[in-house]
Amino acid sequence: MLVLVAPGQGAQTPGFLTPWLDLPGAADRIAAWSDAIGLDLAHYGTQADADAIRDTAVAQPLLVAAGLLSAAALGDITPGAVAGHSVGEITAAAYAGVITEDDALGLVRTRGLAMADAAAVTETGMAALLGGDPDVTVPHLEKLGLTPANVNGAGQIVAAGTLEQLAALAEEKPEGVRKVVALKVAGAFHTEHMAPAVTRLEEAAAGLTVADPRLTYVSNRDGKTVATGADVISRLVGQVANPVRWDLCMETFKELGVTALVEVCPGGTLTGLAKRALPGVKTLAVKTPDDLDAARALVAEHS
């Protein structure tokens, strides 16, 4: 059984969209989406530097556009389930037919701007903790005033909070944690700091035409499969200010009988987690069009 997944913020790198624009029709799709949301996706995906694409309002639409573009390039496939990490949930929702691609880009543009505004209120950030026991790590984070914003499984938790709180974490790592790595994001996402963004996203979501997912959709909130489009959208909105439970998503993949996992562009992060948490499952990260043939072969073998 094949699972198709979409990465979240932090997966972007300068120029990662460049080779994709050579595919037939790709440049036109990116141009149309850029016009619709008022953001030059081609520029940011090919020419902008790391600091420019770290901006939440830029990174999020860029990731969704790249994910949809690369998923379409795989051809007409029917994965057993779809999921996305954080903003990747919007990519997954569009791929599952809950919302149109155009609406996905409009929604993620609102999401990025709203989260950027919320992040500007207080200097905040996120850091990945590598190793350690969650039963030890989570109480330690809470003691420092930090939130376990992403519980990713495979020995990785992402902490979020103020820069002062993160500095204290770097000085006082939880027992068993090997390393604390600052992430390429510009705010404490999936925490109470993002509460103002939820209201704006609710308003934007109210105008969407929503359908029930045509594929099994796995939610970040609790790793559960979601049957209705209305529930998918409600979860997408609330997730902005609540922790991502990717560990529970991977548990659900196991229960569904996953045998292969393909991560759309810019792939790498989620396949890395799957290699550690889902032993025996074949994984492939789609980073450039050169990866498409191997991805299609894996899809054919496991669909």
Protein backbone atom coordinates (compact mmCIF):
# COMPACT_ATOMS: atom_id res chain seq x y z
CA MET A 1 0.00 0.00 0.00
CA LEU A 2 1.38 3.38 -1.08
CA VAL A 3 1.20 6.59 0.97
CA LEU A 4 1.83 9.95 -0.73
CA VAL A 5 3.03 12.68 1.63
CA ALA A 6 3.82 16.41 1.36
CA PRO A 7 6.49 18.18 3.45
CA GLY A 8 6.08 21.23 5.64
CA GLN A 9 7.90 24.51 6.11
CA GLY A 10 11.66 24.26 6.42
CA ALA A 11 11.96 21.82 3.52
CA GLN A 12 12.52 24.62 1.00
CA THR A 13 16.00 25.41 -0.36
CA PRO A 14 17.14 28.17 -2.75
CA GLY A 15 16.47 27.32 -6.39
CA PHE A 16 14.62 24.07 -5.72
CA LEU A 17 11.83 24.92 -8.18
CA THR A 18 14.19 25.59 -11.11
CA PRO A 19 14.27 22.14 -12.78
CA TRP A 20 10.51 21.70 -12.44
CA LEU A 21 9.77 24.71 -14.63
CA ASP A 22 11.22 22.87 -17.63
CA LEU A 23 8.38 20.32 -17.55
CA PRO A 24 5.62 20.86 -20.14
CA GLY A 25 3.05 23.35 -18.86
CA ALA A 26 4.75 23.82 -15.49
CA ALA A 27 5.87 27.41 -16.01
CA ASP A 28 2.36 28.37 -17.15
CA ARG A 29 0.77 26.80 -14.06
CA ILE A 30 3.20 28.57 -11.75
CA ALA A 31 2.58 31.87 -13.55
CA ALA A 32 -1.20 31.48 -13.23
CA TRP A 33 -0.96 30.67 -9.52
CA SER A 34 1.42 33.61 -9.03
CA ASP A 35 -1.05 36.01 -10.65
CA ALA A 36 -3.92 34.62 -8.61
CA ILE A 37 -2.24 35.08 -5.21
CA GLY A 38 -0.07 38.12 -5.94
CA LEU A 39 3.25 36.38 -5.31
CA ASP A 40 5.97 35.64 -7.88
CA LEU A 41 6.45 31.94 -7.18
CA ALA A 42 8.88 31.48 -10.08
CA HIS A 43 11.18 34.18 -8.72
CA TYR A 44 11.14 32.86 -5.18
CA GLY A 45 11.54 29.26 -6.30
CA THR A 46 14.44 29.90 -8.66
CA GLN A 47 16.31 33.11 -7.76
CA ALA A 48 15.59 34.11 -4.15
CA ASP A 49 18.07 33.37 -1.38
CA ALA A 50 17.51 31.34 1.77
CA ASP A 51 16.48 34.34 3.87
CA ALA A 52 13.85 35.41 1.35
CA ILE A 53 12.21 32.00 1.18
CA ARG A 54 12.36 31.62 4.96
CA ASP A 55 9.62 34.26 5.12
CA THR A 56 6.48 32.40 6.17
CA ALA A 57 4.30 34.28 3.70
CA VAL A 58 6.58 33.13 0.86
CA ALA A 59 7.60 29.65 1.98
CA GLN A 60 4.11 28.26 2.48
CA PRO A 61 2.65 29.03 -0.99
CA LEU A 62 5.94 27.96 -2.56
CA LEU A 63 5.82 24.57 -0.86
CA VAL A 64 2.20 23.90 -1.80
CA ALA A 65 2.81 24.93 -5.42
CA ALA A 66 5.87 22.68 -5.69
CA GLY A 67 4.06 19.79 -4.05
CA LEU A 68 1.09 20.00 -6.41
CA LEU A 69 3.33 20.43 -9.45
CA SER A 70 5.44 17.38 -8.61
CA ALA A 71 2.43 15.24 -7.67
CA ALA A 72 0.83 16.01 -11.02
CA ALA A 73 4.06 15.05 -12.78
CA LEU A 74 3.78 11.55 -11.29
CA GLY A 75 0.77 10.99 -13.54
CA ASP A 76 -2.61 9.45 -12.82
CA ILE A 77 -1.96 7.46 -9.65
CA THR A 78 -4.17 6.32 -6.78
CA PRO A 79 -2.26 6.10 -3.49
CA GLY A 80 -3.79 4.19 -0.61
CA ALA A 81 -3.57 7.30 1.59
CA VAL A 82 -2.35 10.89 1.55
CA ALA A 83 -1.05 13.16 4.30
CA GLY A 84 0.96 16.34 4.70
CA HIS A 85 3.10 17.76 7.47
CA SER A 86 1.76 21.12 8.67
CA VAL A 87 1.28 23.29 5.56
CA GLY A 88 1.69 20.09 3.52
CA GLU A 89 -1.82 19.21 4.70
CA ILE A 90 -3.15 21.78 2.24
CA THR A 91 -1.22 20.06 -0.56
CA ALA A 92 -2.70 16.73 0.53
CA ALA A 93 -6.22 18.17 0.74
CA ALA A 94 -6.01 19.46 -2.83
CA TYR A 95 -4.56 16.18 -4.07
CA ALA A 96 -7.40 14.28 -2.38
CA GLY A 97 -9.95 16.51 -4.12
CA VAL A 98 -11.21 18.27 -0.98
CA ILE A 99 -10.45 21.68 -2.51
CA THR A 100 -9.25 22.77 -5.95
CA GLU A 101 -5.62 23.55 -6.59
CA ASP A 102 -6.49 27.22 -7.12
CA ASP A 103 -8.33 27.34 -3.80
CA ALA A 104 -5.40 25.58 -2.12
CA LEU A 105 -3.04 28.33 -3.29
CA GLY A 106 -5.46 31.04 -2.15
CA LEU A 107 -5.89 29.39 1.25
CA VAL A 108 -2.18 28.88 1.81
CA ARG A 109 -1.48 32.49 0.82
CA THR A 110 -3.88 33.63 3.55
CA ARG A 111 -2.37 31.12 5.98
CA GLY A 112 1.18 32.30 5.32
CA LEU A 113 0.33 35.98 5.68
CA ALA A 114 -1.73 35.41 8.83
CA MET A 115 0.97 33.30 10.47
CA ALA A 116 3.66 35.83 9.49
CA ASP A 117 1.63 38.61 11.14
CA ALA A 118 1.13 36.49 14.26
CA ALA A 119 4.84 35.69 14.38
CA ALA A 120 5.71 39.41 14.17
CA VAL A 121 4.07 40.12 17.54
CA THR A 122 6.81 38.35 19.53
CA GLU A 123 10.23 37.09 18.43
CA THR A 124 9.72 33.34 18.30
CA GLY A 125 11.14 30.29 16.57
CA MET A 126 11.43 26.51 16.50
CA ALA A 127 14.17 23.96 17.12
CA ALA A 128 14.38 20.22 16.49
CA LEU A 129 15.54 17.96 19.30
CA LEU A 130 17.30 14.84 18.07
CA GLY A 131 17.13 11.77 20.29
CA GLY A 132 15.77 11.44 23.77
CA ASP A 133 12.65 9.95 25.33
CA PRO A 134 9.40 11.92 24.82
CA ASP A 135 8.38 11.13 28.41
CA VAL A 136 11.49 13.02 29.53
CA THR A 137 11.67 15.65 26.79
CA VAL A 138 8.09 16.97 26.89
CA PRO A 139 8.06 17.82 30.64
CA HIS A 140 11.47 19.48 30.21
CA LEU A 141 10.12 21.67 27.40
CA GLU A 142 7.06 22.61 29.41
CA LYS A 143 9.29 23.56 32.35
CA LEU A 144 11.07 26.04 30.05
CA GLY A 145 7.74 27.40 28.76
CA LEU A 146 8.19 25.76 25.35
CA THR A 147 5.58 23.81 23.37
CA PRO A 148 6.27 20.41 21.73
CA ALA A 149 4.86 21.81 18.47
CA ASN A 150 5.79 18.87 16.22
CA VAL A 151 5.92 15.36 17.64
CA ASN A 152 7.48 13.74 14.60
CA GLY A 153 8.31 10.25 15.81
CA ALA A 154 11.62 8.50 15.11
CA GLY A 155 13.14 10.24 18.13
CA GLN A 156 12.39 13.79 16.95
CA ILE A 157 10.39 16.49 18.68
CA VAL A 158 10.29 20.13 17.56
CA ALA A 159 10.07 22.74 20.30
CA ALA A 160 8.56 26.17 19.73
CA GLY A 161 8.49 29.35 21.75
CA THR A 162 10.26 32.66 22.27
CA LEU A 163 13.90 33.11 21.29
CA GLU A 164 14.78 33.44 24.98
CA GLN A 165 13.11 30.12 25.75
CA LEU A 166 14.89 28.45 22.84
CA ALA A 167 18.23 29.87 24.02
CA ALA A 168 17.57 28.35 27.44
CA LEU A 169 16.86 25.02 25.76
CA ALA A 170 20.18 25.13 23.92
CA GLU A 171 21.92 25.67 27.25
CA GLU A 172 19.90 23.03 29.08
CA LYS A 173 19.09 20.10 26.79
CA PRO A 174 16.79 17.36 28.09
CA GLU A 175 18.49 14.18 29.19
CA GLY A 176 19.18 11.90 26.23
CA VAL A 177 18.85 14.59 23.55
CA ARG A 178 21.93 14.53 21.33
CA LYS A 179 21.45 17.82 19.53
CA VAL A 180 19.21 20.90 19.30
CA VAL A 181 18.93 22.29 15.76
CA ALA A 182 17.32 25.66 14.96
CA LEU A 183 14.84 25.38 12.08
CA LYS A 184 14.51 27.59 9.01
CA VAL A 185 11.18 29.04 10.07
CA ALA A 186 10.19 32.49 11.26
CA GLY A 187 7.85 31.81 14.16
CA ALA A 188 6.53 29.47 16.84
CA PHE A 189 4.08 27.63 14.61
CA HIS A 190 1.48 25.24 16.05
CA THR A 191 1.45 27.02 19.41
CA GLU A 192 -0.70 29.60 21.19
CA HIS A 193 1.41 32.29 19.47
CA MET A 194 -0.50 31.47 16.26
CA ALA A 195 -4.00 31.91 17.72
CA PRO A 196 -4.63 35.20 15.81
CA ALA A 197 -4.04 33.37 12.52
CA VAL A 198 -6.81 30.86 13.21
CA THR A 199 -9.53 33.50 12.97
CA ARG A 200 -8.28 34.78 9.62
CA LEU A 201 -8.02 31.26 8.27
CA GLU A 202 -11.57 30.47 9.43
CA GLU A 203 -12.84 33.47 7.47
CA ALA A 204 -10.96 32.39 4.33
CA ALA A 205 -12.09 28.78 4.65
CA ALA A 206 -15.74 29.81 4.92
CA GLY A 207 -15.76 30.81 1.25
CA LEU A 208 -14.36 27.53 -0.09
CA THR A 209 -16.27 24.93 -2.08
CA VAL A 210 -15.44 21.69 -0.30
CA ALA A 211 -15.83 18.03 -1.31
CA ASP A 212 -15.29 14.82 0.61
CA PRO A 213 -11.80 13.33 0.06
CA ARG A 214 -11.59 10.83 -2.79
CA LEU A 215 -8.57 9.23 -1.10
CA THR A 216 -7.91 8.20 2.49
CA TYR A 217 -6.78 11.41 4.21
CA VAL A 218 -4.73 11.22 7.43
CA SER A 219 -4.86 14.23 9.76
CA ASN A 220 -2.01 15.85 11.70
CA ARG A 221 -4.26 16.51 14.67
CA ASP A 222 -4.47 12.95 15.89
CA GLY A 223 -3.34 10.68 13.06
CA LYS A 224 -6.95 9.72 12.32
CA THR A 225 -8.39 9.22 8.85
CA VAL A 226 -10.98 11.87 7.95
CA ALA A 227 -14.09 11.06 5.93
CA THR A 228 -15.64 14.45 5.18
CA GLY A 229 -14.33 17.56 3.48
CA ALA A 230 -15.81 19.78 6.18
CA ASP A 231 -13.83 17.92 8.84
CA VAL A 232 -10.64 18.15 6.79
CA ILE A 233 -10.99 21.93 6.50
CA SER A 234 -11.91 22.36 10.18
CA ARG A 235 -8.79 20.43 11.16
CA LEU A 236 -6.61 22.41 8.73
CA VAL A 237 -7.74 25.67 10.31
CA GLY A 238 -7.31 24.61 13.94
CA GLN A 239 -3.99 22.91 13.29
CA VAL A 240 -2.26 26.28 12.89
CA ALA A 241 -2.29 26.76 16.66
CA ASN A 242 -2.05 23.12 17.76
CA PRO A 243 0.79 20.57 17.72
CA VAL A 244 1.47 18.41 14.67
CA ARG A 245 1.33 14.72 15.57
CA TRP A 246 3.25 13.19 12.68
CA ASP A 247 4.15 10.28 14.95
CA LEU A 248 0.46 9.35 15.08
CA CYS A 249 0.15 9.76 11.31
CA MET A 250 2.93 7.20 10.84
CA GLU A 251 1.20 4.86 13.30
CA THR A 252 -1.90 5.08 11.11
CA PHE A 253 0.18 4.35 8.01
CA LYS A 254 1.29 1.15 9.75
CA GLU A 255 -2.30 0.21 10.59
CA LEU A 256 -3.31 0.78 6.97
CA GLY A 257 -0.59 -1.62 5.84
CA VAL A 258 1.84 0.82 4.23
CA THR A 259 4.55 -0.80 2.11
CA ALA A 260 5.88 2.30 0.31
CA LEU A 261 5.97 6.05 0.92
CA VAL A 262 6.63 8.74 -1.69
CA GLU A 263 7.28 12.33 -0.62
CA VAL A 264 6.54 15.06 -3.16
CA CYS A 265 8.86 18.00 -3.84
CA PRO A 266 10.83 19.23 -1.95
CA GLY A 267 11.12 15.74 -0.52
CA GLY A 268 13.55 14.47 2.08
CA THR A 269 12.35 15.34 5.57
CA LEU A 270 9.41 12.94 5.82
CA THR A 271 11.18 10.09 4.07
CA GLY A 272 14.00 10.49 6.61
CA LEU A 273 11.52 10.09 9.47
CA ALA A 274 9.86 7.12 7.76
CA LYS A 275 13.16 5.30 7.30
CA ARG A 276 13.62 5.32 11.08
CA ALA A 277 10.01 4.85 12.20
CA LEU A 278 8.70 2.52 9.48
CA PRO A 279 11.34 -0.18 8.99
CA GLY A 280 10.79 -2.31 5.92
CA VAL A 281 8.76 0.38 4.14
CA LYS A 282 10.28 1.52 0.85
CA THR A 283 10.68 5.30 0.67
CA LEU A 284 11.44 7.78 -2.09
CA ALA A 285 11.84 11.56 -1.92
CA VAL A 286 10.94 13.44 -5.10
CA LYS A 287 13.42 16.30 -5.19
CA THR A 288 13.86 16.95 -8.93
CA PRO A 289 12.23 15.64 -12.12
CA ASP A 290 15.10 13.15 -12.31
CA ASP A 291 13.39 11.28 -9.46
CA LEU A 292 10.08 10.85 -11.30
CA ASP A 293 10.87 7.59 -13.12
CA ALA A 294 11.93 5.87 -9.91
CA ALA A 295 8.86 7.24 -8.14
CA ARG A 296 6.53 5.98 -10.86
CA ALA A 297 8.14 2.55 -10.66
CA LEU A 298 7.62 2.45 -6.89
CA VAL A 299 4.02 3.61 -7.33
CA ALA A 300 3.35 0.87 -9.89
CA GLU A 301 4.80 -1.75 -7.58
CA HIS A 302 2.85 -0.73 -4.48
CA SER A 303 -0.44 0.81 -5.64
